C-alpha atoms as a PDB file:
ATOM      1  CA  MET A   1     -19.312  15.965 -14.562  1.00  0.00           C
ATOM      2  CA  LEU A   2     -15.895  14.740 -13.519  1.00  0.00           C
ATOM      3  CA  ASN A   3     -14.490  18.171 -12.656  1.00  0.00           C
ATOM      4  CA  GLU A   4     -17.567  19.186 -10.667  1.00  0.00           C
ATOM      5  CA  GLY A   5     -17.293  16.358  -8.135  1.00  0.00           C
ATOM      6  CA  HIS A   6     -16.474  17.095  -4.551  1.00  0.00           C
ATOM      7  CA  ALA A   7     -13.300  15.925  -2.827  1.00  0.00           C
ATOM      8  CA  GLU A   8     -15.208  13.515  -0.570  1.00  0.00           C
ATOM      9  CA  GLN A   9     -16.653  11.544  -3.495  1.00  0.00           C
ATOM     10  CA  LYS A  10     -15.564   7.902  -3.302  1.00  0.00           C
ATOM     11  CA  VAL A  11     -13.645   6.403  -6.180  1.00  0.00           C
ATOM     12  CA  TYR A  12     -13.612   2.647  -6.728  1.00  0.00           C
ATOM     13  CA  LEU A  13     -10.878   1.187  -8.934  1.00  0.00           C
ATOM     14  CA  ALA A  14     -11.347  -2.170 -10.565  1.00  0.00           C
ATOM     15  CA  ALA A  15      -7.939  -3.631  -9.723  1.00  0.00           C
ATOM     16  CA  GLY A  16      -6.190  -5.486 -12.492  1.00  0.00           C
ATOM     17  CA  ALA A  17      -7.345  -5.393 -16.113  1.00  0.00           C
ATOM     18  CA  THR A  18     -10.873  -4.836 -17.388  1.00  0.00           C
ATOM     19  CA  ASP A  19     -12.108  -5.474 -20.924  1.00  0.00           C
ATOM     20  CA  LEU A  20     -12.732  -1.892 -22.059  1.00  0.00           C
ATOM     21  CA  ARG A  21     -14.860  -2.997 -24.991  1.00  0.00           C
ATOM     22  CA  LYS A  22     -17.654  -2.801 -22.422  1.00  0.00           C
ATOM     23  CA  SER A  23     -19.842   0.265 -22.729  1.00  0.00           C
ATOM     24  CA  ILE A  24     -21.903   2.003 -20.050  1.00  0.00           C
ATOM     25  CA  ASP A  25     -24.309  -0.897 -19.545  1.00  0.00           C
ATOM     26  CA  GLY A  26     -21.548  -3.495 -19.376  1.00  0.00           C
ATOM     27  CA  LEU A  27     -19.505  -1.496 -16.868  1.00  0.00           C
ATOM     28  CA  ALA A  28     -22.601  -0.693 -14.751  1.00  0.00           C
ATOM     29  CA  ALA A  29     -23.450  -4.405 -14.687  1.00  0.00           C
ATOM     30  CA  LEU A  30     -19.876  -5.174 -13.613  1.00  0.00           C
ATOM     31  CA  VAL A  31     -20.167  -2.657 -10.762  1.00  0.00           C
ATOM     32  CA  GLN A  32     -23.497  -4.109  -9.624  1.00  0.00           C
ATOM     33  CA  GLU A  33     -22.942  -7.821 -10.098  1.00  0.00           C
ATOM     34  CA  GLY A  34     -19.179  -8.191  -9.869  1.00  0.00           C
ATOM     35  CA  PHE A  35     -18.380  -5.663  -7.143  1.00  0.00           C
ATOM     36  CA  HIS A  36     -21.756  -5.709  -5.352  1.00  0.00           C
ATOM     37  CA  LEU A  37     -21.907  -1.895  -5.452  1.00  0.00           C
ATOM     38  CA  ASN A  38     -24.632   0.461  -6.635  1.00  0.00           C
ATOM     39  CA  PRO A  39     -23.696   2.049 -10.000  1.00  0.00           C
ATOM     40  CA  PHE A  40     -26.287   4.797  -9.316  1.00  0.00           C
ATOM     41  CA  SER A  41     -24.502   5.949  -6.161  1.00  0.00           C
ATOM     42  CA  PRO A  42     -22.623   9.281  -6.190  1.00  0.00           C
ATOM     43  CA  CYS A  43     -19.278   7.548  -6.765  1.00  0.00           C
ATOM     44  CA  LEU A  44     -16.775   7.179  -9.573  1.00  0.00           C
ATOM     45  CA  PHE A  45     -15.918   3.723 -10.871  1.00  0.00           C
ATOM     46  CA  ALA A  46     -12.573   3.421 -12.679  1.00  0.00           C
ATOM     47  CA  PHE A  47     -11.424   0.679 -15.054  1.00  0.00           C
ATOM     48  CA  CYS A  48      -8.116   0.132 -16.887  1.00  0.00           C
ATOM     49  CA  ASN A  49      -7.178  -2.131 -19.796  1.00  0.00           C
ATOM     50  CA  ARG A  50      -4.482  -4.822 -19.807  1.00  0.00           C
ATOM     51  CA  GLN A  51      -1.893  -2.611 -21.548  1.00  0.00           C
ATOM     52  CA  ARG A  52      -2.414   0.100 -18.876  1.00  0.00           C
ATOM     53  CA  ASP A  53      -2.779   2.842 -21.483  1.00  0.00           C
ATOM     54  CA  LYS A  54      -6.563   3.320 -21.422  1.00  0.00           C
ATOM     55  CA  VAL A  55      -8.962   4.195 -18.596  1.00  0.00           C
ATOM     56  CA  LYS A  56     -12.728   4.481 -18.428  1.00  0.00           C
ATOM     57  CA  LEU A  57     -14.549   6.230 -15.572  1.00  0.00           C
ATOM     58  CA  LEU A  58     -18.242   5.590 -14.980  1.00  0.00           C
ATOM     59  CA  GLU A  59     -20.295   8.154 -13.067  1.00  0.00           C
ATOM     60  CA  TRP A  60     -24.029   8.559 -12.438  1.00  0.00           C
ATOM     61  CA  ASP A  61     -25.337  12.152 -12.675  1.00  0.00           C
ATOM     62  CA  THR A  62     -29.008  12.808 -11.862  1.00  0.00           C
ATOM     63  CA  ALA A  63     -30.604  11.446 -15.038  1.00  0.00           C
ATOM     64  CA  GLY A  64     -27.898   9.455 -16.767  1.00  0.00           C
ATOM     65  CA  PHE A  65     -24.400   8.051 -16.814  1.00  0.00           C
ATOM     66  CA  TRP A  66     -21.197   9.812 -17.786  1.00  0.00           C
ATOM     67  CA  LEU A  67     -18.524   7.653 -19.396  1.00  0.00           C
ATOM     68  CA  HIS A  68     -15.129   9.339 -19.340  1.00  0.00           C
ATOM     69  CA  TYR A  69     -12.394   7.788 -21.487  1.00  0.00           C
ATOM     70  CA  ARG A  70      -8.668   8.517 -21.501  1.00  0.00           C
ATOM     71  CA  ARG A  71      -6.064   7.058 -23.837  1.00  0.00           C
ATOM     72  CA  LEU A  72      -2.359   7.699 -23.359  1.00  0.00           C
ATOM     73  CA  GLU A  73      -0.246   8.182 -26.452  1.00  0.00           C
ATOM     74  CA  LYS A  74       2.932   7.335 -24.487  1.00  0.00           C
ATOM     75  CA  GLY A  75       3.470   5.772 -21.086  1.00  0.00           C
ATOM     76  CA  ARG A  76       1.341   3.633 -18.814  1.00  0.00           C
ATOM     77  CA  PHE A  77      -0.921   4.126 -15.823  1.00  0.00           C
ATOM     78  CA  GLN A  78       0.437   2.749 -12.554  1.00  0.00           C
ATOM     79  CA  TRP A  79      -2.719   0.749 -11.960  1.00  0.00           C
ATOM     80  CA  PRO A  80      -2.929  -1.494  -8.886  1.00  0.00           C
ATOM     81  CA  GLU A  81      -2.589  -5.225  -9.515  1.00  0.00           C
ATOM     82  CA  LYS A  82      -4.908  -7.523  -7.622  1.00  0.00           C
ATOM     83  CA  ALA A  83      -6.935 -10.583  -8.325  1.00  0.00           C
ATOM     84  CA  HIS A  84      -9.664 -10.115 -10.923  1.00  0.00           C
ATOM     85  CA  GLY A  85     -12.864  -8.690  -9.508  1.00  0.00           C
ATOM     86  CA  GLU A  86     -11.377  -6.798  -6.566  1.00  0.00           C
ATOM     87  CA  THR A  87     -11.883  -3.098  -5.983  1.00  0.00           C
ATOM     88  CA  VAL A  88      -9.643  -0.528  -4.352  1.00  0.00           C
ATOM     89  CA  THR A  89     -11.186   2.562  -2.756  1.00  0.00           C
ATOM     90  CA  ILE A  90      -9.221   5.785  -3.276  1.00  0.00           C
ATOM     91  CA  SER A  91      -9.842   9.535  -3.027  1.00  0.00           C
ATOM     92  CA  ARG A  92     -10.321  11.890  -5.981  1.00  0.00           C
ATOM     93  CA  ARG A  93      -6.890  13.311  -5.166  1.00  0.00           C
ATOM     94  CA  GLU A  94      -5.339   9.862  -5.538  1.00  0.00           C
ATOM     95  CA  LEU A  95      -7.274   9.399  -8.794  1.00  0.00           C
ATOM     96  CA  ARG A  96      -5.738  12.615 -10.135  1.00  0.00           C
ATOM     97  CA  TRP A  97      -2.278  11.271  -9.258  1.00  0.00           C
ATOM     98  CA  LEU A  98      -3.038   7.987 -10.979  1.00  0.00           C
ATOM     99  CA  LEU A  99      -4.349   9.709 -14.130  1.00  0.00           C
ATOM    100  CA  ASP A 100      -1.203  11.867 -14.187  1.00  0.00           C
ATOM    101  CA  GLY A 101       0.967   8.750 -14.298  1.00  0.00           C
ATOM    102  CA  LEU A 102       1.905   8.687 -10.623  1.00  0.00           C
ATOM    103  CA  PRO A 103       1.406   5.881  -8.110  1.00  0.00           C
ATOM    104  CA  ILE A 104      -1.542   6.128  -5.724  1.00  0.00           C
ATOM    105  CA  SER A 105       0.807   6.393  -2.764  1.00  0.00           C
ATOM    106  CA  GLN A 106       2.558   9.766  -2.618  1.00  0.00           C
ATOM    107  CA  PRO A 107       4.522   9.806   0.667  1.00  0.00           C
ATOM    108  CA  LYS A 108       5.745  13.401   0.172  1.00  0.00           C
ATOM    109  CA  ALA A 109       2.263  14.839  -0.442  1.00  0.00           C
ATOM    110  CA  HIS A 110       0.686  16.991   2.222  1.00  0.00           C
ATOM    111  CA  ARG A 111      -1.778  15.093   4.368  1.00  0.00           C
ATOM    112  CA  LYS A 112      -5.400  16.214   4.548  1.00  0.00           C
ATOM    113  CA  VAL A 113      -5.949  18.797   7.296  1.00  0.00           C
ATOM    114  CA  MET A 114      -9.238  18.901   9.170  1.00  0.00           C
ATOM    115  CA  ALA A 115      -9.115  22.481  10.491  1.00  0.00           C
ATOM    116  CA  ARG A 116     -11.953  23.600  12.738  1.00  0.00           C
ATOM    117  CA  THR A 117     -10.947  27.175  13.608  1.00  0.00           C
ATOM    118  CA  VAL A 118      -8.748  29.960  12.296  1.00  0.00           C
ATOM    119  CA  ILE A 119      -5.946  30.985  14.615  1.00  0.00           C
END
């Protein structure tokens, strides 16, 4: 499930607007045919509607797909704008920022530390 993913899991955003009337099969086909990515890979695929108030996340988990859906009652997601059909790769941390209404770029956030030993 979404909360059980590990921090290194890739997240692909469909930049721009996506028709969220698509269900699991339609979004999986978009991932495979439109983005040339494998919808069965251990990644999250994120889609946002034109009004920027709804998001769907598609995730494969062992024997089936998860489709996560979020609708904002107020406000908008700060979704990246690009030409239709482009993807943006972000981290799960950046996805959390985006879902919380923040931009993907957080210049004041602590950078990832790759510690090897304890001092």
